[in-house]
N, C-alpha and C. Protein backbone atom coordinates (compact mmCIF):
# COMPACT_ATOMS: atom_id res chain seq x y z
N UNK A 1 13.68 7.90 11.06
CA UNK A 1 13.29 6.89 10.09
C UNK A 1 13.65 7.37 8.68
N UNK A 2 14.39 6.55 7.98
CA UNK A 2 14.78 6.90 6.61
C UNK A 2 13.60 6.69 5.66
N UNK A 3 13.46 7.60 4.70
CA UNK A 3 12.42 7.48 3.67
C UNK A 3 13.07 7.72 2.31
N UNK A 4 13.03 6.73 1.44
CA UNK A 4 13.54 6.90 0.08
C UNK A 4 12.47 7.61 -0.75
N UNK A 5 12.92 8.58 -1.55
CA UNK A 5 12.00 9.38 -2.36
C UNK A 5 12.31 9.16 -3.84
N UNK A 6 11.28 8.87 -4.61
CA UNK A 6 11.40 8.64 -6.05
C UNK A 6 10.59 9.73 -6.75
N UNK A 7 11.26 10.72 -7.31
CA UNK A 7 10.60 11.84 -7.97
C UNK A 7 10.12 11.44 -9.36
N UNK A 8 9.04 12.08 -9.83
CA UNK A 8 8.54 11.77 -11.18
C UNK A 8 9.57 12.03 -12.25
N UNK A 9 9.61 11.13 -13.23
CA UNK A 9 10.51 11.28 -14.38
C UNK A 9 9.73 10.89 -15.63
N UNK A 10 9.43 11.88 -16.48
CA UNK A 10 9.69 13.31 -16.29
C UNK A 10 8.69 13.94 -15.33
N UNK A 11 9.04 15.09 -14.78
CA UNK A 11 8.14 15.82 -13.90
C UNK A 11 7.02 16.45 -14.73
N UNK A 12 5.76 16.21 -14.38
CA UNK A 12 4.64 16.83 -15.11
C UNK A 12 4.73 18.35 -15.06
N UNK A 13 4.16 19.04 -16.04
CA UNK A 13 4.23 20.51 -16.07
C UNK A 13 3.72 21.17 -14.80
N UNK A 14 2.69 20.61 -14.19
CA UNK A 14 2.13 21.19 -12.96
C UNK A 14 2.72 20.61 -11.69
N UNK A 15 3.83 19.91 -11.82
CA UNK A 15 4.43 19.27 -10.67
C UNK A 15 3.88 17.87 -10.46
N UNK A 16 4.34 17.24 -9.40
CA UNK A 16 3.92 15.87 -9.09
C UNK A 16 2.40 15.78 -8.96
N UNK A 17 1.85 14.66 -9.44
CA UNK A 17 0.40 14.46 -9.35
C UNK A 17 -0.06 14.18 -7.93
N UNK A 18 0.85 13.72 -7.08
CA UNK A 18 0.51 13.38 -5.72
C UNK A 18 1.55 12.44 -5.16
N UNK A 19 1.25 11.84 -4.02
CA UNK A 19 2.20 10.97 -3.33
C UNK A 19 1.65 9.55 -3.22
N UNK A 20 2.54 8.58 -3.42
CA UNK A 20 2.21 7.18 -3.17
C UNK A 20 3.24 6.66 -2.17
N UNK A 21 2.77 6.24 -1.01
CA UNK A 21 3.64 5.68 0.02
C UNK A 21 3.64 4.17 -0.14
N UNK A 22 4.82 3.62 -0.42
CA UNK A 22 4.97 2.19 -0.73
C UNK A 22 5.49 1.48 0.52
N UNK A 23 4.73 0.48 0.99
CA UNK A 23 5.06 -0.21 2.24
C UNK A 23 5.42 -1.67 1.98
N UNK A 24 6.61 -2.05 2.38
CA UNK A 24 7.09 -3.42 2.19
C UNK A 24 6.38 -4.39 3.14
N UNK A 25 6.63 -5.68 2.93
CA UNK A 25 6.03 -6.72 3.76
C UNK A 25 6.94 -7.15 4.89
N UNK A 26 6.64 -8.34 5.46
CA UNK A 26 7.37 -8.84 6.62
C UNK A 26 8.83 -9.13 6.31
N UNK A 27 9.15 -9.30 5.03
CA UNK A 27 10.54 -9.54 4.65
C UNK A 27 11.42 -8.32 4.80
N UNK A 28 10.82 -7.17 5.12
CA UNK A 28 11.58 -5.94 5.26
C UNK A 28 12.24 -5.56 3.94
N UNK A 29 13.06 -4.56 3.99
CA UNK A 29 13.74 -4.12 2.77
C UNK A 29 14.86 -5.07 2.37
N UNK A 30 15.30 -5.92 3.29
CA UNK A 30 16.31 -6.93 2.94
C UNK A 30 15.78 -7.87 1.87
N UNK A 31 14.52 -8.28 2.03
CA UNK A 31 13.91 -9.23 1.10
C UNK A 31 13.02 -8.54 0.07
N UNK A 32 12.19 -7.62 0.55
CA UNK A 32 11.19 -6.99 -0.32
C UNK A 32 11.70 -5.75 -1.03
N UNK A 33 12.87 -5.25 -0.62
CA UNK A 33 13.36 -3.98 -1.16
C UNK A 33 13.38 -3.89 -2.68
N UNK A 34 14.00 -4.85 -3.37
CA UNK A 34 14.05 -4.75 -4.84
C UNK A 34 12.67 -4.66 -5.50
N UNK A 35 11.73 -5.45 -5.00
CA UNK A 35 10.38 -5.42 -5.57
C UNK A 35 9.69 -4.11 -5.28
N UNK A 36 9.80 -3.63 -4.06
CA UNK A 36 9.14 -2.37 -3.69
C UNK A 36 9.73 -1.19 -4.46
N UNK A 37 11.04 -1.26 -4.71
CA UNK A 37 11.64 -0.18 -5.49
C UNK A 37 11.20 -0.24 -6.95
N UNK A 38 10.93 -1.43 -7.47
CA UNK A 38 10.37 -1.54 -8.82
C UNK A 38 9.01 -0.85 -8.88
N UNK A 39 8.20 -1.09 -7.87
CA UNK A 39 6.89 -0.42 -7.82
C UNK A 39 7.07 1.10 -7.73
N UNK A 40 7.97 1.55 -6.89
CA UNK A 40 8.18 2.99 -6.70
C UNK A 40 8.65 3.64 -8.00
N UNK A 41 9.56 3.00 -8.71
CA UNK A 41 10.05 3.57 -9.97
C UNK A 41 8.94 3.59 -11.02
N UNK A 42 8.13 2.55 -11.07
CA UNK A 42 7.02 2.51 -12.01
C UNK A 42 6.06 3.67 -11.74
N UNK A 43 5.72 3.87 -10.50
CA UNK A 43 4.78 4.93 -10.11
C UNK A 43 5.36 6.30 -10.42
N UNK A 44 6.63 6.51 -10.07
CA UNK A 44 7.23 7.83 -10.32
C UNK A 44 7.33 8.11 -11.81
N UNK A 45 7.44 7.06 -12.61
CA UNK A 45 7.49 7.24 -14.06
C UNK A 45 6.18 7.70 -14.65
N UNK A 46 5.12 7.67 -13.85
CA UNK A 46 3.80 8.13 -14.31
C UNK A 46 3.35 9.39 -13.60
N UNK A 47 4.33 10.15 -13.09
CA UNK A 47 4.02 11.49 -12.60
C UNK A 47 3.74 11.63 -11.12
N UNK A 48 3.86 10.54 -10.36
CA UNK A 48 3.63 10.60 -8.92
C UNK A 48 4.96 10.51 -8.18
N UNK A 49 5.02 11.14 -7.01
CA UNK A 49 6.19 11.00 -6.15
C UNK A 49 5.98 9.80 -5.25
N UNK A 50 6.88 8.83 -5.31
CA UNK A 50 6.77 7.62 -4.50
C UNK A 50 7.71 7.70 -3.30
N UNK A 51 7.22 7.25 -2.17
CA UNK A 51 7.98 7.26 -0.93
C UNK A 51 8.08 5.83 -0.41
N UNK A 52 9.29 5.41 -0.07
CA UNK A 52 9.52 4.07 0.47
C UNK A 52 10.11 4.21 1.87
N UNK A 53 9.26 4.20 2.90
CA UNK A 53 9.77 4.38 4.26
C UNK A 53 10.40 3.12 4.83
N UNK A 54 11.45 3.29 5.60
CA UNK A 54 12.09 2.17 6.29
C UNK A 54 11.41 2.04 7.67
N UNK A 55 10.15 1.66 7.66
CA UNK A 55 9.37 1.73 8.89
C UNK A 55 9.79 0.68 9.93
N UNK A 56 10.51 -0.35 9.51
CA UNK A 56 11.03 -1.32 10.48
C UNK A 56 12.08 -0.67 11.39
N UNK A 57 12.64 0.46 10.98
CA UNK A 57 13.59 1.17 11.83
C UNK A 57 12.99 1.50 13.20
N UNK A 58 11.66 1.73 13.20
CA UNK A 58 10.99 2.12 14.44
C UNK A 58 11.16 1.06 15.53
N UNK A 59 11.28 -0.20 15.13
CA UNK A 59 11.37 -1.29 16.11
C UNK A 59 12.68 -2.07 16.02
N UNK A 60 13.62 -1.59 15.20
CA UNK A 60 14.88 -2.30 15.06
C UNK A 60 14.73 -3.67 14.44
N UNK A 61 13.73 -3.80 13.55
CA UNK A 61 13.42 -5.08 12.93
C UNK A 61 14.06 -5.17 11.55
N UNK A 62 14.52 -6.36 11.20
CA UNK A 62 15.03 -6.59 9.86
C UNK A 62 14.06 -7.45 9.05
N UNK A 63 13.66 -8.58 9.62
CA UNK A 63 12.64 -9.44 9.03
C UNK A 63 11.67 -9.80 10.14
N UNK A 64 10.37 -9.64 9.91
CA UNK A 64 9.37 -9.88 10.95
C UNK A 64 8.87 -11.31 10.91
N UNK A 65 8.58 -11.82 12.08
CA UNK A 65 8.02 -13.17 12.17
C UNK A 65 7.56 -13.44 13.59
N UNK A 66 6.95 -14.59 13.78
CA UNK A 66 6.53 -14.97 15.13
C UNK A 66 5.58 -13.97 15.75
N UNK A 67 5.92 -13.52 16.95
CA UNK A 67 5.04 -12.61 17.70
C UNK A 67 5.22 -11.15 17.31
N UNK A 68 6.12 -10.87 16.36
CA UNK A 68 6.35 -9.48 15.94
C UNK A 68 5.06 -8.80 15.52
N UNK A 69 4.20 -9.54 14.84
CA UNK A 69 2.98 -8.93 14.30
C UNK A 69 2.06 -8.44 15.41
N UNK A 70 2.02 -9.16 16.51
CA UNK A 70 1.20 -8.73 17.65
C UNK A 70 1.89 -7.66 18.47
N UNK A 71 3.19 -7.81 18.67
CA UNK A 71 3.92 -6.92 19.57
C UNK A 71 4.31 -5.60 18.94
N UNK A 72 4.52 -5.58 17.62
CA UNK A 72 5.09 -4.39 16.99
C UNK A 72 4.16 -3.68 16.01
N UNK A 73 2.99 -4.26 15.74
CA UNK A 73 2.11 -3.69 14.72
C UNK A 73 1.77 -2.23 15.03
N UNK A 74 1.44 -1.93 16.28
CA UNK A 74 1.08 -0.56 16.64
C UNK A 74 2.23 0.41 16.39
N UNK A 75 3.46 -0.02 16.65
CA UNK A 75 4.62 0.84 16.41
C UNK A 75 4.80 1.08 14.91
N UNK A 76 4.62 0.03 14.12
CA UNK A 76 4.72 0.20 12.67
C UNK A 76 3.62 1.10 12.14
N UNK A 77 2.43 0.92 12.67
CA UNK A 77 1.31 1.77 12.25
C UNK A 77 1.57 3.23 12.59
N UNK A 78 2.16 3.47 13.76
CA UNK A 78 2.53 4.83 14.15
C UNK A 78 3.56 5.41 13.19
N UNK A 79 4.51 4.58 12.77
CA UNK A 79 5.52 5.03 11.81
C UNK A 79 4.88 5.41 10.48
N UNK A 80 3.92 4.61 10.02
CA UNK A 80 3.22 4.92 8.77
C UNK A 80 2.47 6.24 8.90
N UNK A 81 1.81 6.46 10.03
CA UNK A 81 1.10 7.72 10.25
C UNK A 81 2.06 8.91 10.20
N UNK A 82 3.24 8.73 10.76
CA UNK A 82 4.25 9.79 10.73
C UNK A 82 4.66 10.11 9.29
N UNK A 83 4.80 9.07 8.47
CA UNK A 83 5.17 9.29 7.06
C UNK A 83 4.06 10.03 6.33
N UNK A 84 2.81 9.68 6.61
CA UNK A 84 1.69 10.39 5.98
C UNK A 84 1.74 11.87 6.34
N UNK A 85 1.99 12.18 7.61
CA UNK A 85 2.08 13.58 8.03
C UNK A 85 3.26 14.28 7.35
N UNK A 86 4.37 13.59 7.26
CA UNK A 86 5.54 14.16 6.59
C UNK A 86 5.24 14.49 5.13
N UNK A 87 4.59 13.57 4.44
CA UNK A 87 4.28 13.77 3.03
C UNK A 87 3.30 14.92 2.85
N UNK A 88 2.29 14.97 3.69
CA UNK A 88 1.27 16.03 3.57
C UNK A 88 1.85 17.41 3.89
N UNK A 89 2.94 17.45 4.65
CA UNK A 89 3.54 18.74 5.01
C UNK A 89 4.51 19.26 3.95
N UNK A 90 4.83 18.45 2.96
CA UNK A 90 5.77 18.89 1.93
C UNK A 90 5.12 19.95 1.03
N UNK A 91 5.76 21.11 0.85
CA UNK A 91 5.18 22.17 0.01
C UNK A 91 4.91 21.73 -1.43
N UNK A 92 5.75 20.84 -1.96
CA UNK A 92 5.58 20.42 -3.35
C UNK A 92 4.38 19.50 -3.54
N UNK A 93 3.79 19.03 -2.43
CA UNK A 93 2.64 18.14 -2.53
C UNK A 93 1.41 18.72 -1.84
N UNK A 94 1.46 20.01 -1.54
CA UNK A 94 0.35 20.64 -0.83
C UNK A 94 -0.96 20.49 -1.61
N UNK A 95 -1.97 19.98 -0.94
CA UNK A 95 -3.28 19.84 -1.55
C UNK A 95 -3.43 18.69 -2.52
N UNK A 96 -2.38 17.89 -2.66
CA UNK A 96 -2.42 16.78 -3.62
C UNK A 96 -2.71 15.47 -2.90
N UNK A 97 -3.26 14.49 -3.61
CA UNK A 97 -3.69 13.24 -2.96
C UNK A 97 -2.53 12.39 -2.45
N UNK A 98 -2.82 11.67 -1.38
CA UNK A 98 -1.86 10.71 -0.82
C UNK A 98 -2.48 9.32 -0.92
N UNK A 99 -1.76 8.41 -1.55
CA UNK A 99 -2.23 7.04 -1.75
C UNK A 99 -1.26 6.09 -1.04
N UNK A 100 -1.80 5.02 -0.49
CA UNK A 100 -0.98 4.00 0.15
C UNK A 100 -0.95 2.75 -0.72
N UNK A 101 0.24 2.19 -0.92
CA UNK A 101 0.39 0.93 -1.64
C UNK A 101 1.20 0.00 -0.75
N UNK A 102 0.59 -1.11 -0.35
CA UNK A 102 1.27 -2.01 0.55
C UNK A 102 1.25 -3.45 0.09
N UNK A 103 2.34 -4.14 0.39
CA UNK A 103 2.44 -5.57 0.07
C UNK A 103 2.44 -6.37 1.36
N UNK A 104 1.55 -7.36 1.46
CA UNK A 104 1.49 -8.29 2.60
C UNK A 104 1.32 -7.50 3.90
N UNK A 105 2.28 -7.54 4.82
CA UNK A 105 2.19 -6.76 6.05
C UNK A 105 1.94 -5.29 5.73
N UNK A 106 2.60 -4.78 4.69
CA UNK A 106 2.41 -3.39 4.29
C UNK A 106 0.98 -3.11 3.86
N UNK A 107 0.30 -4.12 3.29
CA UNK A 107 -1.10 -3.95 2.91
C UNK A 107 -1.98 -3.86 4.14
N UNK A 108 -1.71 -4.70 5.14
CA UNK A 108 -2.47 -4.62 6.40
C UNK A 108 -2.29 -3.25 7.04
N UNK A 109 -1.06 -2.74 7.03
CA UNK A 109 -0.79 -1.42 7.60
C UNK A 109 -1.49 -0.32 6.79
N UNK A 110 -1.49 -0.46 5.47
CA UNK A 110 -2.15 0.53 4.62
C UNK A 110 -3.64 0.61 4.93
N UNK A 111 -4.28 -0.55 5.05
CA UNK A 111 -5.71 -0.59 5.32
C UNK A 111 -6.03 -0.07 6.71
N UNK A 112 -5.17 -0.37 7.67
CA UNK A 112 -5.38 0.14 9.02
C UNK A 112 -5.26 1.66 9.05
N UNK A 113 -4.25 2.20 8.39
CA UNK A 113 -4.07 3.66 8.34
C UNK A 113 -5.25 4.32 7.63
N UNK A 114 -5.68 3.74 6.51
CA UNK A 114 -6.80 4.32 5.77
C UNK A 114 -8.09 4.27 6.58
N UNK A 115 -8.24 3.23 7.40
CA UNK A 115 -9.43 3.10 8.23
C UNK A 115 -9.45 4.10 9.37
N UNK A 116 -8.27 4.54 9.79
CA UNK A 116 -8.17 5.45 10.93
C UNK A 116 -7.94 6.90 10.53
N UNK A 117 -7.82 7.15 9.23
CA UNK A 117 -7.51 8.50 8.76
C UNK A 117 -8.43 8.88 7.62
N UNK A 118 -8.70 10.15 7.51
CA UNK A 118 -9.49 10.66 6.38
C UNK A 118 -8.60 11.40 5.39
N UNK A 119 -7.29 11.17 5.52
CA UNK A 119 -6.32 11.89 4.69
C UNK A 119 -5.84 11.06 3.51
N UNK A 120 -6.35 9.83 3.37
CA UNK A 120 -5.88 8.91 2.33
C UNK A 120 -6.86 8.88 1.17
N UNK A 121 -6.35 9.15 -0.04
CA UNK A 121 -7.22 9.23 -1.23
C UNK A 121 -7.46 7.88 -1.88
N UNK A 122 -6.61 6.90 -1.59
CA UNK A 122 -6.76 5.58 -2.21
C UNK A 122 -5.78 4.59 -1.63
N UNK A 123 -6.07 3.31 -1.83
CA UNK A 123 -5.21 2.24 -1.34
C UNK A 123 -5.05 1.19 -2.43
N UNK A 124 -3.82 0.73 -2.61
CA UNK A 124 -3.56 -0.46 -3.42
C UNK A 124 -3.02 -1.51 -2.46
N UNK A 125 -3.80 -2.55 -2.22
CA UNK A 125 -3.36 -3.57 -1.26
C UNK A 125 -3.05 -4.86 -2.02
N UNK A 126 -1.85 -5.36 -1.78
CA UNK A 126 -1.36 -6.55 -2.48
C UNK A 126 -1.10 -7.65 -1.46
N UNK A 127 -1.82 -8.75 -1.58
CA UNK A 127 -1.61 -9.93 -0.72
C UNK A 127 -1.78 -9.60 0.75
N UNK A 128 -2.79 -8.78 1.06
CA UNK A 128 -3.03 -8.42 2.45
C UNK A 128 -4.48 -8.60 2.84
N UNK A 129 -4.93 -7.79 3.79
CA UNK A 129 -6.30 -7.86 4.26
C UNK A 129 -6.51 -6.85 5.36
N UNK A 130 -7.71 -6.87 5.95
CA UNK A 130 -8.04 -5.98 7.05
C UNK A 130 -7.45 -6.56 8.35
N UNK A 131 -6.71 -5.76 9.12
CA UNK A 131 -6.22 -6.27 10.40
C UNK A 131 -7.37 -6.74 11.28
N UNK A 132 -7.15 -7.80 12.03
CA UNK A 132 -8.21 -8.41 12.84
C UNK A 132 -8.89 -7.39 13.75
N UNK A 133 -8.11 -6.48 14.32
CA UNK A 133 -8.69 -5.52 15.26
C UNK A 133 -9.58 -4.49 14.57
N UNK A 134 -9.50 -4.40 13.24
CA UNK A 134 -10.28 -3.41 12.51
C UNK A 134 -11.53 -3.99 11.85
N UNK A 135 -11.64 -5.31 11.80
CA UNK A 135 -12.73 -5.94 11.05
C UNK A 135 -14.09 -5.46 11.51
N UNK A 136 -14.27 -5.33 12.81
CA UNK A 136 -15.58 -4.94 13.34
C UNK A 136 -15.84 -3.45 13.35
N UNK A 137 -14.86 -2.66 12.93
CA UNK A 137 -15.05 -1.21 12.99
C UNK A 137 -14.55 -0.52 11.71
N UNK A 138 -14.79 -1.15 10.59
CA UNK A 138 -14.39 -0.55 9.33
C UNK A 138 -15.27 0.65 9.05
N UNK A 139 -14.64 1.79 8.80
CA UNK A 139 -15.40 3.00 8.52
C UNK A 139 -15.48 3.29 7.04
N UNK A 140 -15.29 4.54 6.68
CA UNK A 140 -15.38 4.97 5.29
C UNK A 140 -14.01 4.85 4.65
N UNK A 141 -13.72 3.69 4.10
CA UNK A 141 -12.45 3.49 3.42
C UNK A 141 -12.45 4.22 2.07
N UNK A 142 -11.27 4.59 1.58
CA UNK A 142 -11.18 5.24 0.27
C UNK A 142 -11.28 4.20 -0.83
N UNK A 143 -11.40 4.63 -2.08
CA UNK A 143 -11.35 3.70 -3.22
C UNK A 143 -10.06 2.90 -3.19
N UNK A 144 -10.12 1.68 -3.71
CA UNK A 144 -8.91 0.86 -3.64
C UNK A 144 -8.86 -0.21 -4.72
N UNK A 145 -7.67 -0.77 -4.83
CA UNK A 145 -7.41 -1.92 -5.70
C UNK A 145 -7.00 -3.08 -4.81
N UNK A 146 -7.60 -4.25 -5.03
CA UNK A 146 -7.23 -5.47 -4.32
C UNK A 146 -6.49 -6.38 -5.29
N UNK A 147 -5.30 -6.81 -4.90
CA UNK A 147 -4.49 -7.72 -5.72
C UNK A 147 -4.15 -8.93 -4.86
N UNK A 148 -4.49 -10.12 -5.35
CA UNK A 148 -4.23 -11.31 -4.53
C UNK A 148 -4.12 -12.55 -5.41
N UNK A 149 -3.20 -13.42 -5.07
CA UNK A 149 -3.10 -14.72 -5.71
C UNK A 149 -4.00 -15.72 -5.01
N UNK A 150 -4.77 -16.45 -5.76
CA UNK A 150 -5.72 -17.38 -5.15
C UNK A 150 -5.03 -18.60 -4.54
N UNK A 151 -3.75 -18.81 -4.87
CA UNK A 151 -2.99 -19.92 -4.29
C UNK A 151 -2.08 -19.45 -3.15
N UNK A 152 -2.33 -18.26 -2.64
CA UNK A 152 -1.51 -17.69 -1.57
C UNK A 152 -1.63 -18.54 -0.31
N UNK A 153 -0.50 -19.06 0.17
CA UNK A 153 -0.47 -19.87 1.39
C UNK A 153 -0.03 -19.05 2.61
N UNK A 154 0.44 -17.85 2.38
CA UNK A 154 0.90 -16.99 3.49
C UNK A 154 -0.24 -16.14 4.02
N UNK A 155 -0.89 -15.42 3.15
CA UNK A 155 -2.11 -14.68 3.49
C UNK A 155 -3.22 -15.29 2.64
N UNK A 156 -4.05 -16.14 3.21
CA UNK A 156 -5.04 -16.88 2.42
C UNK A 156 -5.94 -15.98 1.59
N UNK A 157 -6.32 -16.47 0.43
CA UNK A 157 -7.19 -15.73 -0.48
C UNK A 157 -8.50 -15.33 0.19
N UNK A 158 -8.91 -16.09 1.20
CA UNK A 158 -10.14 -15.76 1.93
C UNK A 158 -10.08 -14.37 2.54
N UNK A 159 -8.87 -13.90 2.85
CA UNK A 159 -8.71 -12.55 3.39
C UNK A 159 -9.15 -11.51 2.36
N UNK A 160 -8.78 -11.73 1.10
CA UNK A 160 -9.16 -10.81 0.04
C UNK A 160 -10.67 -10.84 -0.18
N UNK A 161 -11.25 -12.03 -0.15
CA UNK A 161 -12.70 -12.14 -0.34
C UNK A 161 -13.46 -11.46 0.79
N UNK A 162 -12.96 -11.60 2.02
CA UNK A 162 -13.61 -10.95 3.16
C UNK A 162 -13.56 -9.43 3.01
N UNK A 163 -12.41 -8.91 2.58
CA UNK A 163 -12.29 -7.47 2.36
C UNK A 163 -13.21 -7.02 1.24
N UNK A 164 -13.25 -7.78 0.15
CA UNK A 164 -14.12 -7.42 -0.96
C UNK A 164 -15.58 -7.35 -0.52
N UNK A 165 -16.00 -8.28 0.32
CA UNK A 165 -17.38 -8.28 0.82
C UNK A 165 -17.68 -7.02 1.62
N UNK A 166 -16.71 -6.58 2.42
CA UNK A 166 -16.88 -5.35 3.18
C UNK A 166 -17.03 -4.16 2.24
N UNK A 167 -16.20 -4.11 1.22
CA UNK A 167 -16.24 -2.99 0.27
C UNK A 167 -17.57 -2.96 -0.48
N UNK A 168 -18.04 -4.12 -0.87
CA UNK A 168 -19.33 -4.20 -1.58
C UNK A 168 -20.45 -3.74 -0.66
N UNK A 169 -20.45 -4.23 0.58
CA UNK A 169 -21.50 -3.88 1.54
C UNK A 169 -21.53 -2.39 1.81
N UNK A 170 -20.35 -1.78 1.88
CA UNK A 170 -20.27 -0.35 2.18
C UNK A 170 -20.24 0.52 0.92
N UNK A 171 -20.36 -0.11 -0.22
CA UNK A 171 -20.41 0.60 -1.51
C UNK A 171 -19.18 1.47 -1.72
N UNK A 172 -18.04 0.91 -1.40
CA UNK A 172 -16.77 1.60 -1.59
C UNK A 172 -16.20 1.21 -2.96
N UNK A 173 -15.92 2.17 -3.82
CA UNK A 173 -15.39 1.84 -5.16
C UNK A 173 -14.09 1.05 -5.06
N UNK A 174 -14.00 0.00 -5.85
CA UNK A 174 -12.80 -0.83 -5.81
C UNK A 174 -12.68 -1.64 -7.09
N UNK A 175 -11.47 -2.11 -7.34
CA UNK A 175 -11.20 -3.04 -8.43
C UNK A 175 -10.49 -4.24 -7.83
N UNK A 176 -10.92 -5.43 -8.21
CA UNK A 176 -10.32 -6.66 -7.69
C UNK A 176 -9.56 -7.36 -8.80
N UNK A 177 -8.28 -7.61 -8.53
CA UNK A 177 -7.43 -8.30 -9.49
C UNK A 177 -6.95 -9.59 -8.81
N UNK A 178 -7.68 -10.68 -9.05
CA UNK A 178 -7.38 -11.95 -8.41
C UNK A 178 -6.82 -12.92 -9.45
N UNK A 179 -5.67 -13.50 -9.13
CA UNK A 179 -4.96 -14.38 -10.06
C UNK A 179 -5.13 -15.84 -9.63
N UNK A 180 -5.81 -16.66 -10.43
CA UNK A 180 -6.11 -18.05 -10.04
C UNK A 180 -4.88 -18.91 -9.77
N UNK A 181 -3.76 -18.68 -10.45
CA UNK A 181 -2.60 -19.57 -10.31
C UNK A 181 -1.44 -18.93 -9.56
N UNK A 182 -1.62 -17.73 -9.01
CA UNK A 182 -0.53 -17.03 -8.32
C UNK A 182 -0.55 -17.31 -6.83
N UNK A 183 0.64 -17.25 -6.22
CA UNK A 183 0.78 -17.40 -4.78
C UNK A 183 1.01 -16.05 -4.11
N UNK A 184 1.76 -16.06 -3.02
CA UNK A 184 1.98 -14.83 -2.25
C UNK A 184 2.88 -13.86 -2.99
N UNK A 185 3.85 -14.40 -3.72
CA UNK A 185 4.77 -13.57 -4.51
C UNK A 185 4.33 -13.64 -5.97
N UNK A 186 4.03 -12.50 -6.55
CA UNK A 186 3.52 -12.47 -7.92
C UNK A 186 4.63 -12.76 -8.93
N UNK A 187 4.26 -13.46 -9.97
CA UNK A 187 5.18 -13.68 -11.08
C UNK A 187 5.36 -12.37 -11.84
N UNK A 188 6.33 -12.35 -12.75
CA UNK A 188 6.60 -11.13 -13.52
C UNK A 188 5.36 -10.68 -14.28
N UNK A 189 4.70 -11.61 -14.95
CA UNK A 189 3.52 -11.24 -15.74
C UNK A 189 2.40 -10.69 -14.89
N UNK A 190 2.15 -11.32 -13.74
CA UNK A 190 1.09 -10.84 -12.85
C UNK A 190 1.44 -9.48 -12.27
N UNK A 191 2.72 -9.31 -11.92
CA UNK A 191 3.14 -8.01 -11.40
C UNK A 191 2.94 -6.91 -12.42
N UNK A 192 3.30 -7.18 -13.67
CA UNK A 192 3.13 -6.16 -14.71
C UNK A 192 1.66 -5.79 -14.88
N UNK A 193 0.79 -6.80 -14.82
CA UNK A 193 -0.65 -6.52 -14.93
C UNK A 193 -1.13 -5.70 -13.73
N UNK A 194 -0.65 -6.06 -12.54
CA UNK A 194 -1.03 -5.32 -11.34
C UNK A 194 -0.53 -3.88 -11.40
N UNK A 195 0.67 -3.69 -11.94
CA UNK A 195 1.20 -2.33 -12.07
C UNK A 195 0.37 -1.49 -13.01
N UNK A 196 -0.03 -2.07 -14.14
CA UNK A 196 -0.84 -1.32 -15.10
C UNK A 196 -2.20 -0.96 -14.50
N UNK A 197 -2.80 -1.89 -13.76
CA UNK A 197 -4.06 -1.60 -13.08
C UNK A 197 -3.88 -0.49 -12.06
N UNK A 198 -2.75 -0.52 -11.36
CA UNK A 198 -2.46 0.53 -10.38
C UNK A 198 -2.32 1.89 -11.03
N UNK A 199 -1.62 1.96 -12.14
CA UNK A 199 -1.47 3.23 -12.85
C UNK A 199 -2.83 3.77 -13.29
N UNK A 200 -3.68 2.90 -13.82
CA UNK A 200 -5.03 3.31 -14.22
C UNK A 200 -5.81 3.83 -13.01
N UNK A 201 -5.66 3.14 -11.88
CA UNK A 201 -6.33 3.57 -10.65
C UNK A 201 -5.84 4.95 -10.22
N UNK A 202 -4.53 5.16 -10.23
CA UNK A 202 -3.99 6.46 -9.85
C UNK A 202 -4.50 7.57 -10.76
N UNK A 203 -4.61 7.27 -12.03
CA UNK A 203 -5.10 8.28 -12.99
C UNK A 203 -6.56 8.62 -12.76
N UNK A 204 -7.28 7.74 -12.07
CA UNK A 204 -8.71 7.98 -11.83
C UNK A 204 -8.96 8.82 -10.57
N UNK A 205 -7.93 9.00 -9.75
CA UNK A 205 -8.10 9.72 -8.49
C UNK A 205 -8.20 11.22 -8.78
N UNK A 206 -9.20 11.82 -8.19
CA UNK A 206 -9.42 13.25 -8.40
C UNK A 206 -8.31 14.05 -7.73
N UNK A 207 -7.86 15.07 -8.47
CA UNK A 207 -6.80 15.93 -7.93
C UNK A 207 -7.27 17.37 -7.92
């Protein structure tokens, strides 16, 4: 599986602040690639090493749809877990936090991985939610940022509200950035606001 790496520019004096694994949505890198790389470059510009895995390689998928979500989700989740292990094994990131940032399908995968692992320091989930199989067994999730357009017709806003309720009930630190007029794909202005919130969130993570 190919993984694109975006090193910090400039590199902080003490090295990278940590790792952010950026996960694309169902559009794969064919559709989501330019946007995901914008996020990765933004993050690396603030001292973090960003990783963009081609996790669809695991299933030979280009764009996901139909029954792919049921049939291939476990394989994609396994690929994400492999990337987390790869990142944690890198000497330049030893002992440093690992954060997941996912869009749409990538957000569902991020939350699933964070729910099944204690190795994740934070999650930024954009236009996603908790996978159905995890709703009844949510454990100790890490701090996170929720980003969602209230006019989203692909992943309904109710998914974000349901996740927020879980976080409140479990007293998990989080920030919610909900845009009343945005849909599934954020406009330039909303994306810039979400990026700034993400940078603030990353700066708050203990290292």
